């Protein structure tokens, strides 16, 4: 027999069995509907029976409560409930309409008749309460006769419910048996249909569909697990299986591309997060050293395939000086002029080793030209530094996204460096005198307190020297303020030239200067003062060719803790300075061992100035 004939016979038998199974399922559904109707009827019977019992209990409770409390509200509730339940015939007819049998209705009628007799006794009790016969009313509704009648009424209701349940259970059971029998027949027919269908599949479809589908299923499962390395099978025949294989190949290619994009996206997010964290840390930098540490930490992580150097502009020499490097860049100069870099000339990123021909920078080593990227650091159109990067993997050049991240990193570093430069400039203006370059009095108190604490800790002394230019007012009046400024700058230079690393020199005000000398005793302070006088004595100052004459100074020295507390140190040095002026100027005086009062210093200073 031909395969086509077998297929046609199997198809016909499958259709016939399917129709028969459908008819059987329809019959089973009808039996299920009968079962559901029986269950719903039983539920309605139960609901009406419960309502009748609730009405009976409600009437009894209200009558008893009225007999006990005499509260008229209970009589009102009783009357409303009695009016709402209707007559015996009405309630019997409601159940008859729902399909109750004569035997069941007869039992219900007996129960309702019994309930009606209870209602008569309840009304008798209510009437007795109206006549103020509370004892009589209670005897009626709480008496043994009433209780027996109430029990009989409940018994009749239970008997009626039993009859209903018995009939409903029988109907449900019959419907269930019929439904199960029909379903069993339907299941047998479905099973035979399935066997025929499986026969067709095993005999015919296995050769052309099963094996290819199994192979494609394995590929699909691996693709579902995002294993895009799997190779889908190649089918030469043109049919649905071939179309499915082609669709799976397209899906795999799309998955590979999507996986690549996801990896790139994750890498981009990681770089962006590093850039954001780097920017946050750069905002908290207090010095250029902090900035360099952050750049060394984050730059290799943002661009792991690039080594680099960070150059900072040294404005005093007009040179780019290497301040930091990472990942060992090749060769190159550590300092060079801005004109040696094309990125600084053009103010743009310069990549001489790219596909386009370009001019190499002179500061880059010859062996690293093809792998170098120069990125200028600028703020408000002013060049402040340079980022020089070298590709560690020449075969893999940075893509456009990495170039964009490098530019963003350079902008972040440039902005942070500009902020630090501005902060240092503002700090210099706040802490240093513009005429002499010495510290002003802005942080004198803080510095003095710190040095005094160090002296207490180490058990050493702290020297304080105050210096004042003699006859400065007369010199200013004679030669002018510019000449006076020249003298102040010169004396400040001499005063600062003798200091040691741990010393602090201040312009105290006008022509007065102050020096704090940690660890100095009296002999060392005297030696320092002698050195200052000797250097000033060798000066030959002239202004516009006109000699200014000899420049002399008066100096006062005080020692902590010899002169008392740290607050008295400057006052004691000032008092010694005034004594030097009173004794003829051009000399140094050591402060007295006792503390000096500020008021006496002020009066003595006025006296000296007047003289």
Protein backbone atom coordinates (compact mmCIF):
# COMPACT_ATOMS: atom_id res chain seq x y z
CA UNK A 1 0.00 0.00 0.00
CA UNK A 2 1.29 3.41 -0.93
CA UNK A 3 2.25 5.92 1.72
CA UNK A 4 -0.26 8.41 0.31
CA UNK A 5 -3.08 5.83 0.73
CA UNK A 6 -2.07 5.07 4.31
CA UNK A 7 -1.96 8.80 5.01
CA UNK A 8 -5.44 9.34 3.55
CA UNK A 9 -6.98 6.45 5.52
CA UNK A 10 -5.30 7.66 8.71
CA UNK A 11 -6.53 11.17 8.01
CA UNK A 12 -10.13 9.99 7.45
CA UNK A 13 -10.12 7.86 10.60
CA UNK A 14 -8.68 10.74 12.59
CA UNK A 15 -11.41 13.11 11.35
CA UNK A 16 -14.20 10.60 12.18
CA UNK A 17 -12.85 9.92 15.64
CA UNK A 18 -12.39 13.62 16.25
CA UNK A 19 -16.04 14.32 15.33
CA UNK A 20 -17.24 11.48 17.57
CA UNK A 21 -15.08 12.74 20.43
CA UNK A 22 -16.51 16.23 19.92
CA UNK A 23 -20.10 14.96 20.10
CA UNK A 24 -19.27 12.99 23.25
CA UNK A 25 -17.69 16.09 24.80
CA UNK A 26 -20.86 18.08 24.02
CA UNK A 27 -22.98 15.42 25.75
CA UNK A 28 -20.56 15.45 28.72
CA UNK A 29 -20.89 19.22 28.87
CA UNK A 30 -24.71 18.81 29.02
CA UNK A 31 -24.34 16.41 31.95
CA UNK A 32 -22.03 18.89 33.63
CA UNK A 33 -24.65 21.59 33.14
CA UNK A 34 -27.31 19.38 34.78
CA UNK A 35 -24.93 18.82 37.68
CA UNK A 36 -24.31 22.55 38.02
CA UNK A 37 -28.07 23.28 37.92
CA UNK A 38 -28.66 20.72 40.70
CA UNK A 39 -25.94 22.27 42.83
CA UNK A 40 -27.30 25.79 42.23
CA UNK A 41 -30.86 24.63 43.14
CA UNK A 42 -29.54 23.13 46.37
CA UNK A 43 -27.76 26.37 47.17
CA UNK A 44 -30.98 28.36 46.63
CA UNK A 45 -32.93 25.91 48.84
CA UNK A 46 -30.27 26.26 51.55
CA UNK A 47 -30.44 30.04 51.29
CA UNK A 48 -34.25 30.18 51.69
CA UNK A 49 -34.18 27.60 54.51
CA UNK A 50 -31.52 29.61 56.34
CA UNK A 51 -33.60 32.76 55.87
CA UNK A 52 -36.68 31.09 57.40
CA UNK A 53 -34.62 29.86 60.38
CA UNK A 54 -33.03 33.29 60.81
CA UNK A 55 -36.49 34.93 60.78
CA UNK A 56 -37.72 32.47 63.42
CA UNK A 57 -34.65 33.13 65.61
CA UNK A 58 -34.91 36.91 65.10
CA UNK A 59 -38.61 36.96 66.18
CA UNK A 60 -37.83 34.86 69.25
CA UNK A 61 -34.85 37.05 70.22
CA UNK A 62 -36.74 40.35 69.82
CA UNK A 63 -39.77 39.05 71.79
CA UNK A 64 -37.52 37.83 74.60
CA UNK A 65 -35.47 41.05 74.65
CA UNK A 66 -38.66 43.09 74.87
CA UNK A 67 -39.91 40.85 77.70
CA UNK A 68 -36.62 41.30 79.60
CA UNK A 69 -35.85 45.00 79.03
CA UNK A 70 -39.18 46.50 78.05
CA UNK A 71 -37.32 48.55 75.41
CA UNK A 72 -39.90 49.60 72.75
CA UNK A 73 -37.20 49.39 70.04
CA UNK A 74 -37.30 45.58 70.27
CA UNK A 75 -41.09 45.59 69.71
CA UNK A 76 -40.56 47.79 66.64
CA UNK A 77 -37.90 45.47 65.23
CA UNK A 78 -40.19 42.49 65.96
CA UNK A 79 -43.10 44.05 64.08
CA UNK A 80 -40.90 44.95 61.06
CA UNK A 81 -39.48 41.43 60.91
CA UNK A 82 -42.94 39.86 61.16
CA UNK A 83 -44.25 42.05 58.35
CA UNK A 84 -41.27 41.21 56.13
CA UNK A 85 -41.45 37.40 56.24
CA UNK A 86 -44.90 37.09 54.58
CA UNK A 87 -47.53 34.40 55.00
CA UNK A 88 -47.00 30.64 55.09
CA UNK A 89 -48.45 30.19 51.62
CA UNK A 90 -46.15 32.83 50.15
CA UNK A 91 -43.04 31.13 51.52
CA UNK A 92 -44.23 27.69 50.41
CA UNK A 93 -44.95 29.02 46.91
CA UNK A 94 -41.42 30.46 46.65
CA UNK A 95 -39.92 27.03 47.27
CA UNK A 96 -42.43 25.38 44.93
CA UNK A 97 -41.31 27.78 42.20
CA UNK A 98 -37.73 26.66 42.74
CA UNK A 99 -38.73 23.00 42.12
CA UNK A 100 -39.33 21.58 45.61
CA UNK A 101 -41.38 18.34 45.73
CA UNK A 102 -44.75 17.83 47.50
CA UNK A 103 -43.23 15.79 50.31
CA UNK A 104 -40.62 18.51 50.92
CA UNK A 105 -43.26 21.28 50.76
CA UNK A 106 -45.50 19.37 53.21
CA UNK A 107 -42.59 19.14 55.66
CA UNK A 108 -41.88 22.87 55.19
CA UNK A 109 -45.53 23.71 55.77
CA UNK A 110 -45.51 21.80 59.07
CA UNK A 111 -42.45 23.74 60.17
CA UNK A 112 -44.03 27.07 59.20
CA UNK A 113 -47.26 26.16 61.01
CA UNK A 114 -45.23 25.39 64.12
CA UNK A 115 -43.45 28.74 63.70
CA UNK A 116 -46.84 30.48 63.38
CA UNK A 117 -47.95 29.06 66.75
CA UNK A 118 -44.72 30.47 68.22
CA UNK A 119 -45.58 33.84 66.73
CA UNK A 120 -48.94 33.74 68.56
CA UNK A 121 -47.17 33.15 71.87
CA UNK A 122 -44.64 35.91 71.06
CA UNK A 123 -47.46 38.36 70.38
CA UNK A 124 -49.15 37.25 73.62
CA UNK A 125 -45.94 38.03 75.51
CA UNK A 126 -45.70 41.45 73.81
CA UNK A 127 -49.32 42.16 74.76
CA UNK A 128 -48.55 41.22 78.38
CA UNK A 129 -45.58 43.66 78.40
CA UNK A 130 -47.85 46.39 77.14
CA UNK A 131 -50.08 45.73 80.18
CA UNK A 132 -46.94 45.92 82.39
CA UNK A 133 -47.13 42.21 83.13
CA UNK A 134 -43.40 41.52 82.71
CA UNK A 135 -43.49 38.29 84.69
CA UNK A 136 -46.26 36.89 82.55
CA UNK A 137 -44.45 37.86 79.37
CA UNK A 138 -41.26 36.14 80.50
CA UNK A 139 -43.17 32.99 81.46
CA UNK A 140 -44.59 32.82 77.96
CA UNK A 141 -41.33 33.25 75.96
CA UNK A 142 -39.00 31.56 78.42
CA UNK A 143 -41.40 28.80 79.55
CA UNK A 144 -40.83 25.09 78.88
CA UNK A 145 -43.83 24.90 76.54
CA UNK A 146 -42.38 27.63 74.36
CA UNK A 147 -39.01 25.89 74.31
CA UNK A 148 -40.61 22.59 73.23
CA UNK A 149 -42.51 24.28 70.43
CA UNK A 150 -39.34 26.05 69.35
CA UNK A 151 -37.48 22.72 69.25
CA UNK A 152 -40.28 21.14 67.19
CA UNK A 153 -40.13 24.02 64.71
CA UNK A 154 -36.34 23.59 64.32
CA UNK A 155 -36.82 19.82 63.94
CA UNK A 156 -39.32 20.31 61.15
CA UNK A 157 -36.93 22.71 59.41
CA UNK A 158 -34.06 20.20 59.71
CA UNK A 159 -36.32 17.46 58.30
CA UNK A 160 -37.21 19.71 55.38
CA UNK A 161 -33.52 20.45 54.76
CA UNK A 162 -32.67 16.75 54.94
CA UNK A 163 -35.26 15.93 52.30
CA UNK A 164 -33.90 18.70 50.05
CA UNK A 165 -30.30 17.57 50.50
CA UNK A 166 -31.20 13.95 49.81
CA UNK A 167 -32.92 14.82 46.52
CA UNK A 168 -30.16 17.28 45.47
CA UNK A 169 -27.38 14.81 46.27
CA UNK A 170 -29.13 12.15 44.19
CA UNK A 171 -29.45 14.53 41.23
CA UNK A 172 -25.83 15.59 41.50
CA UNK A 173 -24.64 12.00 41.75
CA UNK A 174 -26.62 10.95 38.68
CA UNK A 175 -25.32 13.91 36.67
CA UNK A 176 -21.75 13.19 37.80
CA UNK A 177 -21.95 9.53 36.79
CA UNK A 178 -23.31 10.45 33.36
CA UNK A 179 -20.62 13.11 32.86
CA UNK A 180 -17.81 10.74 33.87
CA UNK A 181 -19.13 7.99 31.55
CA UNK A 182 -19.28 10.38 28.58
CA UNK A 183 -15.86 11.82 29.37
CA UNK A 184 -14.37 8.33 29.51
CA UNK A 185 -15.77 7.57 26.06
CA UNK A 186 -14.42 10.90 24.80
CA UNK A 187 -10.98 10.20 26.29
CA UNK A 188 -10.87 6.76 24.61
CA UNK A 189 -11.68 8.34 21.28
CA UNK A 190 -9.06 11.02 21.79
CA UNK A 191 -6.52 8.34 22.69
CA UNK A 192 -7.28 6.41 19.49
CA UNK A 193 -6.98 9.63 17.51
CA UNK A 194 -3.64 10.39 19.15
CA UNK A 195 -2.38 6.89 18.33
CA UNK A 196 -3.27 7.36 14.67
CA UNK A 197 -1.63 10.76 14.68
CA UNK A 198 1.52 9.35 16.26
CA UNK A 199 1.53 6.58 13.66
CA UNK A 200 1.53 9.16 10.89
CA UNK A 201 4.29 11.12 12.63
CA UNK A 202 6.44 8.05 13.22
CA UNK A 203 5.97 6.59 9.77
CA UNK A 204 6.13 9.67 7.54
CA UNK A 205 7.18 12.88 9.28
CA UNK A 206 10.19 11.45 11.07
CA UNK A 207 12.16 11.22 7.82
CA UNK A 208 11.78 14.87 6.87
CA UNK A 209 10.92 16.84 10.02
CA UNK A 210 11.94 15.15 13.26
CA UNK A 211 15.69 14.98 12.76
CA UNK A 212 16.05 18.55 11.42
CA UNK A 213 13.76 19.89 14.15
CA UNK A 214 15.82 18.15 16.85
CA UNK A 215 18.99 19.74 15.50
CA UNK A 216 17.33 23.14 15.25
CA UNK A 217 15.88 22.73 18.75
CA UNK A 218 19.35 22.20 20.20
CA UNK A 219 20.56 25.32 18.41
CA UNK A 220 17.55 27.33 19.63
CA UNK A 221 18.11 26.21 23.23
CA UNK A 222 21.73 27.29 23.12
CA UNK A 223 20.75 30.59 21.53
CA UNK A 224 18.13 31.05 24.28
CA UNK A 225 21.00 30.73 26.77
CA UNK A 226 22.78 33.47 24.75
CA UNK A 227 25.38 31.01 23.48
CA UNK A 228 25.80 32.70 20.12
CA UNK A 229 28.91 30.67 19.27
CA UNK A 230 26.75 27.72 18.19
CA UNK A 231 26.61 27.07 14.43
CA UNK A 232 23.09 26.48 13.00
CA UNK A 233 22.74 23.53 10.52
CA UNK A 234 22.73 24.14 6.76
CA UNK A 235 19.70 22.66 4.93
CA UNK A 236 19.72 22.71 1.13
CA UNK A 237 16.03 21.88 0.56
CA UNK A 238 13.58 24.76 0.27
CA UNK A 239 10.67 24.27 2.66
CA UNK A 240 9.46 25.42 6.08
CA UNK A 241 12.38 23.71 7.83
CA UNK A 242 14.82 25.49 5.54
CA UNK A 243 13.09 28.82 6.24
CA UNK A 244 13.28 28.12 9.97
CA UNK A 245 17.01 27.38 9.73
CA UNK A 246 17.55 30.64 7.83
CA UNK A 247 15.59 32.57 10.45
CA UNK A 248 17.69 30.98 13.20
CA UNK A 249 20.90 31.98 11.38
CA UNK A 250 19.65 35.58 11.13
CA UNK A 251 18.67 35.50 14.82
CA UNK A 252 22.17 34.27 15.74
CA UNK A 253 23.83 37.04 13.73
CA UNK A 254 21.60 39.63 15.37
CA UNK A 255 22.40 38.12 18.76
CA UNK A 256 26.13 38.35 18.10
CA UNK A 257 25.75 41.98 17.11
CA UNK A 258 23.56 42.72 20.12
CA UNK A 259 26.04 40.99 22.43
CA UNK A 260 28.82 43.10 20.96
CA UNK A 261 26.78 46.27 21.47
CA UNK A 262 25.96 45.26 25.05
CA UNK A 263 29.62 44.67 25.86
CA UNK A 264 30.47 48.02 24.32
CA UNK A 265 27.66 49.67 26.25
CA UNK A 266 28.82 48.11 29.53
CA UNK A 267 32.37 49.25 28.80
CA UNK A 268 31.10 52.77 28.00
CA UNK A 269 29.14 52.90 31.25
CA UNK A 270 32.18 51.72 33.19
CA UNK A 271 34.35 54.43 31.59
CA UNK A 272 31.67 57.07 32.23
CA UNK A 273 31.43 56.00 35.86
CA UNK A 274 35.23 56.23 36.19
CA UNK A 275 35.19 59.70 34.58
CA UNK A 276 32.43 60.84 36.93
CA UNK A 277 34.27 59.49 39.96
CA UNK A 278 37.51 61.07 38.76
CA UNK A 279 35.75 64.44 38.33
CA UNK A 280 34.32 64.20 41.86
CA UNK A 281 37.72 63.40 43.35
CA UNK A 282 39.39 66.21 41.37
CA UNK A 283 36.89 68.67 42.82
CA UNK A 284 38.16 67.81 46.30
CA UNK A 285 41.86 68.33 45.50
CA UNK A 286 43.70 70.73 47.79
CA UNK A 287 46.98 70.74 45.87
CA UNK A 288 48.55 69.81 42.54
CA UNK A 289 50.07 66.72 44.19
CA UNK A 290 46.55 65.51 45.03
CA UNK A 291 45.55 66.05 41.38
CA UNK A 292 48.57 64.10 40.10
CA UNK A 293 47.83 61.17 42.41
CA UNK A 294 44.24 61.03 41.14
CA UNK A 295 45.35 61.19 37.49
CA UNK A 296 47.86 58.35 38.05
CA UNK A 297 45.09 56.26 39.62
CA UNK A 298 42.23 56.82 37.17
CA UNK A 299 43.92 57.39 33.77
CA UNK A 300 45.17 53.74 33.38
CA UNK A 301 41.67 52.46 34.23
CA UNK A 302 39.87 54.81 31.84
CA UNK A 303 42.28 54.02 28.97
CA UNK A 304 44.03 50.74 29.92
CA UNK A 305 45.75 50.40 26.53
CA UNK A 306 47.37 53.84 26.74
CA UNK A 307 50.46 54.91 28.65
CA UNK A 308 50.79 58.59 29.33
CA UNK A 309 52.42 61.68 30.77
CA UNK A 310 50.86 64.81 32.22
CA UNK A 311 52.76 68.03 31.49
CA UNK A 312 52.09 71.26 33.41
CA UNK A 313 52.99 74.73 32.14
CA UNK A 314 55.79 76.40 34.15
CA UNK A 315 54.93 80.03 33.40
CA UNK A 316 58.17 81.35 34.92
CA UNK A 317 60.25 79.41 32.35
CA UNK A 318 57.56 79.15 29.63
CA UNK A 319 58.17 75.39 29.54
CA UNK A 320 55.98 72.32 29.68
CA UNK A 321 57.25 70.20 32.59
CA UNK A 322 56.36 66.52 33.13
CA UNK A 323 54.47 66.27 36.44
CA UNK A 324 53.23 62.66 36.29
CA UNK A 325 53.39 59.52 34.15
CA UNK A 326 51.79 56.06 34.18
CA UNK A 327 52.23 52.65 32.52
CA UNK A 328 55.81 53.40 31.35
CA UNK A 329 55.58 55.54 28.20
CA UNK A 330 58.49 55.30 25.75
CA UNK A 331 61.21 57.97 25.44
CA UNK A 332 60.22 61.59 24.96
CA UNK A 333 61.39 64.74 26.70
CA UNK A 334 60.43 65.58 30.27
CA UNK A 335 60.35 69.32 29.52
CA UNK A 336 60.00 71.28 26.30
CA UNK A 337 58.69 74.55 24.92
CA UNK A 338 55.01 74.89 23.96
CA UNK A 339 55.99 75.41 20.31
CA UNK A 340 57.39 71.85 20.17
CA UNK A 341 53.85 70.38 20.34
CA UNK A 342 51.35 70.75 17.51
CA UNK A 343 48.44 70.11 19.86
CA UNK A 344 49.43 73.22 21.88
CA UNK A 345 49.90 75.23 18.69
CA UNK A 346 46.51 74.28 17.27
CA UNK A 347 44.61 73.98 20.56
CA UNK A 348 43.23 70.61 19.39
CA UNK A 349 43.92 66.90 19.77
CA UNK A 350 46.89 65.90 17.58
CA UNK A 351 47.32 62.27 16.42
CA UNK A 352 50.26 62.06 13.99
CA UNK A 353 50.09 58.23 13.82
CA UNK A 354 46.50 58.06 12.54
CA UNK A 355 45.49 56.99 9.03
CA UNK A 356 45.75 60.60 7.86
CA UNK A 357 49.24 61.93 7.25
CA UNK A 358 50.22 64.53 9.86
CA UNK A 359 53.25 66.32 11.31
CA UNK A 360 54.87 64.65 14.38
CA UNK A 361 55.61 66.68 17.51
CA UNK A 362 59.28 67.39 18.27
CA UNK A 363 58.95 66.41 21.94
CA UNK A 364 57.88 62.84 21.07
CA UNK A 365 60.49 60.09 20.68
CA UNK A 366 60.90 58.84 17.12
CA UNK A 367 59.95 55.25 18.01
CA UNK A 368 56.68 56.41 19.59
CA UNK A 369 55.45 58.90 16.96
CA UNK A 370 52.99 56.50 15.31
CA UNK A 371 51.35 55.62 18.64
CA UNK A 372 51.19 59.06 20.30
CA UNK A 373 48.16 61.22 21.07
CA UNK A 374 48.65 64.79 22.31
CA UNK A 375 45.70 66.46 24.08
CA UNK A 376 46.01 70.10 25.23
CA UNK A 377 44.72 71.12 28.66
CA UNK A 378 43.10 74.53 28.53
CA UNK A 379 40.85 76.66 30.69
CA UNK A 380 39.15 79.83 29.44
CA UNK A 381 41.17 79.69 26.21
CA UNK A 382 44.45 79.59 28.17
CA UNK A 383 46.81 76.62 27.85
CA UNK A 384 47.80 75.24 31.25
CA UNK A 385 49.04 71.73 30.45
CA UNK A 386 49.28 68.82 28.05
CA UNK A 387 48.26 65.16 28.10
CA UNK A 388 50.57 62.91 26.02
CA UNK A 389 49.32 59.34 25.53
CA UNK A 390 51.00 56.38 23.85
CA UNK A 391 49.17 53.35 22.46
CA UNK A 392 50.56 50.17 24.05
CA UNK A 393 48.82 47.98 21.43
CA UNK A 394 49.72 49.45 18.01
CA UNK A 395 47.49 46.96 16.18
CA UNK A 396 44.44 48.28 18.02
CA UNK A 397 44.07 52.04 17.67
CA UNK A 398 41.72 53.97 20.00
CA UNK A 399 38.25 54.31 18.47
CA UNK A 400 36.18 57.47 18.28
CA UNK A 401 34.47 56.74 21.58
CA UNK A 402 37.82 56.39 23.38
CA UNK A 403 39.09 59.62 21.76
CA UNK A 404 35.95 61.35 23.05
CA UNK A 405 36.55 59.96 26.56
CA UNK A 406 40.19 61.11 26.40
CA UNK A 407 39.06 64.63 25.46
CA UNK A 408 36.52 64.58 28.30
CA UNK A 409 39.21 63.40 30.72
CA UNK A 410 41.54 66.17 29.54
CA UNK A 411 38.81 68.78 30.01
CA UNK A 412 38.17 67.50 33.53
CA UNK A 413 41.87 67.55 34.42
CA UNK A 414 42.34 70.98 32.82
CA UNK A 415 39.42 72.45 34.73
CA UNK A 416 40.65 70.99 38.03
CA UNK A 417 44.20 72.23 37.36
CA UNK A 418 42.89 75.71 36.51
CA UNK A 419 40.85 75.75 39.71
CA UNK A 420 43.92 74.78 41.73
CA UNK A 421 46.01 77.48 40.03
CA UNK A 422 43.28 80.04 40.73
CA UNK A 423 43.01 78.88 44.32
CA UNK A 424 46.78 79.14 44.79
CA UNK A 425 46.78 82.61 43.23
CA UNK A 426 43.99 83.76 45.51
CA UNK A 427 45.75 82.22 48.50
CA UNK A 428 48.97 84.00 47.55
CA UNK A 429 47.10 87.31 47.33
CA UNK A 430 45.49 86.66 50.69
CA UNK A 431 48.62 85.46 52.53
CA UNK A 432 51.50 87.33 50.87
CA UNK A 433 52.34 91.01 50.62
CA UNK A 434 52.42 92.06 46.92
CA UNK A 435 55.21 94.61 47.44
CA UNK A 436 57.74 92.40 49.24
CA UNK A 437 56.55 88.85 48.54
CA UNK A 438 56.64 88.16 52.28
CA UNK A 439 53.74 86.77 54.29
CA UNK A 440 51.31 89.31 55.66
CA UNK A 441 49.58 89.21 59.03
CA UNK A 442 46.64 87.12 57.71
CA UNK A 443 47.79 83.82 59.21
CA UNK A 444 50.27 85.18 61.80
CA UNK A 445 48.16 84.21 64.81
CA UNK A 446 47.58 80.68 63.51
CA UNK A 447 51.27 80.19 62.66
CA UNK A 448 52.37 81.57 66.04
CA UNK A 449 49.99 79.26 67.94
CA UNK A 450 51.20 76.23 65.96
CA UNK A 451 54.90 77.01 66.48
CA UNK A 452 54.33 77.65 70.20
CA UNK A 453 52.59 74.27 70.52
CA UNK A 454 55.54 72.62 68.75
CA UNK A 455 57.92 74.37 71.14
CA UNK A 456 55.94 73.10 74.13
CA UNK A 457 56.02 69.57 72.73
CA UNK A 458 59.74 69.55 71.95
CA UNK A 459 60.79 71.56 75.04
CA UNK A 460 62.59 74.20 72.89
CA UNK A 461 62.26 77.97 72.64
CA UNK A 462 60.61 80.08 69.96
CA UNK A 463 62.33 83.32 68.92
CA UNK A 464 60.48 86.39 67.67
CA UNK A 465 62.33 89.28 65.99
CA UNK A 466 60.68 92.58 65.04
CA UNK A 467 62.47 94.98 62.68
CA UNK A 468 61.66 98.60 61.83
CA UNK A 469 63.40 100.80 59.25
CA UNK A 470 64.91 103.87 60.94
CA UNK A 471 63.76 107.33 59.82
CA UNK A 472 61.58 105.86 57.10
CA UNK A 473 59.07 108.71 57.20
CA UNK A 474 61.81 111.27 56.57
CA UNK A 475 63.17 109.17 53.69
CA UNK A 476 59.67 108.93 52.20
CA UNK A 477 59.12 112.68 52.49
CA UNK A 478 62.52 113.47 50.97
CA UNK A 479 62.73 111.01 48.05
CA UNK A 480 59.05 110.03 47.50
CA UNK A 481 56.99 106.92 47.97
CA UNK A 482 58.60 105.02 45.08
CA UNK A 483 61.97 105.34 46.74
CA UNK A 484 60.36 104.27 50.00
CA UNK A 485 58.98 101.16 48.28
CA UNK A 486 62.47 100.40 46.95
CA UNK A 487 63.89 100.58 50.47
CA UNK A 488 61.09 98.36 51.84
CA UNK A 489 61.65 95.72 49.14
CA UNK A 490 65.41 95.76 49.71
CA UNK A 491 65.16 95.46 53.50
CA UNK A 492 62.55 92.70 53.10
CA UNK A 493 64.90 90.84 50.76
CA UNK A 494 67.77 91.09 53.25
CA UNK A 495 65.47 90.09 56.13
CA UNK A 496 64.22 87.04 54.25
CA UNK A 497 67.70 86.05 53.02
CA UNK A 498 68.86 85.08 56.51
CA UNK A 499 65.89 82.85 57.36
CA UNK A 500 66.14 79.08 57.57
CA UNK A 501 63.67 76.53 56.20
CA UNK A 502 61.66 76.34 59.41
CA UNK A 503 61.52 80.14 59.90
CA UNK A 504 58.58 82.39 58.97
CA UNK A 505 59.02 86.01 57.82
CA UNK A 506 56.12 88.51 57.77
CA UNK A 507 55.62 92.10 56.73
CA UNK A 508 54.03 93.24 59.96
CA UNK A 509 52.85 96.57 58.63
CA UNK A 510 54.31 99.68 56.96
CA UNK A 511 58.06 99.54 57.42
CA UNK A 512 57.91 96.88 60.15
CA UNK A 513 58.82 93.21 59.66
CA UNK A 514 58.56 90.16 61.93
CA UNK A 515 60.41 86.83 61.95
CA UNK A 516 59.46 83.69 63.92
CA UNK A 517 62.46 81.43 64.61
CA UNK A 518 61.59 77.96 66.01
CA UNK A 519 64.29 76.44 68.27
CA UNK A 520 66.28 79.71 68.63
CA UNK A 521 67.76 80.77 71.92
CA UNK A 522 69.06 84.24 72.78
CA UNK A 523 72.54 83.73 71.35
CA UNK A 524 71.20 82.47 68.01
CA UNK A 525 68.78 85.40 67.82
CA UNK A 526 71.61 87.89 68.46
CA UNK A 527 73.71 86.20 65.76
CA UNK A 528 70.79 86.50 63.31
CA UNK A 529 70.34 90.21 64.11
CA UNK A 530 74.08 90.88 63.62
CA UNK A 531 73.95 89.17 60.20
CA UNK A 532 71.03 91.39 59.16
CA UNK A 533 72.79 94.59 60.24
CA UNK A 534 75.98 93.56 58.41
CA UNK A 535 74.14 92.87 55.16
CA UNK A 536 72.20 96.13 55.39
CA UNK A 537 75.42 97.99 56.10
CA UNK A 538 76.86 96.82 52.79
CA UNK A 539 73.95 98.22 50.78
CA UNK A 540 74.42 101.22 48.48
CA UNK A 541 70.91 102.21 47.47
CA UNK A 542 70.13 104.84 44.86
CA UNK A 543 66.92 105.98 43.20
CA UNK A 544 67.13 107.44 39.68
CA UNK A 545 70.86 107.91 40.20
CA UNK A 546 70.40 109.74 43.52
CA UNK A 547 71.95 107.97 46.54
CA UNK A 548 69.49 107.28 49.34
CA UNK A 549 72.12 107.13 52.03
CA UNK A 550 72.71 104.39 54.57
CA UNK A 551 69.71 102.29 55.60
CA UNK A 552 69.63 101.27 59.25
CA UNK A 553 67.06 99.27 61.24
CA UNK A 554 66.06 98.85 64.85
CA UNK A 555 65.34 95.33 66.08
CA UNK A 556 63.66 93.82 69.13
CA UNK A 557 63.94 90.15 70.09
CA UNK A 558 61.73 88.15 72.46
CA UNK A 559 61.79 84.46 73.38
CA UNK A 560 58.98 82.09 74.25
CA UNK A 561 58.42 80.99 76.98
CA UNK A 562 60.98 83.31 78.60
CA UNK A 563 58.74 86.38 78.15
CA UNK A 564 55.61 84.57 79.40
CA UNK A 565 52.71 83.21 77.37
CA UNK A 566 52.54 83.11 73.60
CA UNK A 567 50.21 86.13 73.55
CA UNK A 568 52.96 88.27 75.10
CA UNK A 569 55.66 87.16 72.64
CA UNK A 570 54.97 89.74 69.90
CA UNK A 571 54.21 92.45 72.47
CA UNK A 572 57.54 91.78 74.18
CA UNK A 573 59.42 91.90 70.85
CA UNK A 574 57.62 95.15 69.98
CA UNK A 575 58.56 96.61 73.36
CA UNK A 576 62.21 95.67 72.79
CA UNK A 577 62.00 97.30 69.34
CA UNK A 578 60.75 100.53 70.91
CA UNK A 579 63.60 100.44 73.45
CA UNK A 580 66.06 100.11 70.55
CA UNK A 581 64.57 103.23 68.95
CA UNK A 582 64.62 105.12 72.28
CA UNK A 583 68.26 104.19 72.80
CA UNK A 584 69.28 105.76 69.48
CA UNK A 585 68.13 103.32 66.73
CA UNK A 586 70.43 101.17 64.52
CA UNK A 587 70.67 98.44 67.17
CA UNK A 588 69.11 95.28 68.56
CA UNK A 589 67.56 94.95 72.06
CA UNK A 590 66.58 91.75 73.89
CA UNK A 591 63.18 91.92 75.61
CA UNK A 592 62.93 92.01 79.40
CA UNK A 593 61.99 88.84 81.24
CA UNK A 594 58.70 90.27 82.54
CA UNK A 595 55.48 90.44 80.47
CA UNK A 596 54.76 93.74 78.77
CA UNK A 597 51.43 95.57 78.91
CA UNK A 598 49.94 96.53 75.55
CA UNK A 599 48.97 100.00 76.73
CA UNK A 600 52.53 100.89 77.71
CA UNK A 601 53.78 99.78 74.29
CA UNK A 602 51.27 101.99 72.50
CA UNK A 603 52.24 105.05 74.55
CA UNK A 604 55.94 104.39 74.06
CA UNK A 605 55.43 103.96 70.28
CA UNK A 606 53.68 107.35 70.07
CA UNK A 607 56.53 108.94 71.98
CA UNK A 608 59.14 107.48 69.63
CA UNK A 609 57.23 108.54 66.54
CA UNK A 610 56.94 112.07 67.85
CA UNK A 611 60.68 112.17 68.44
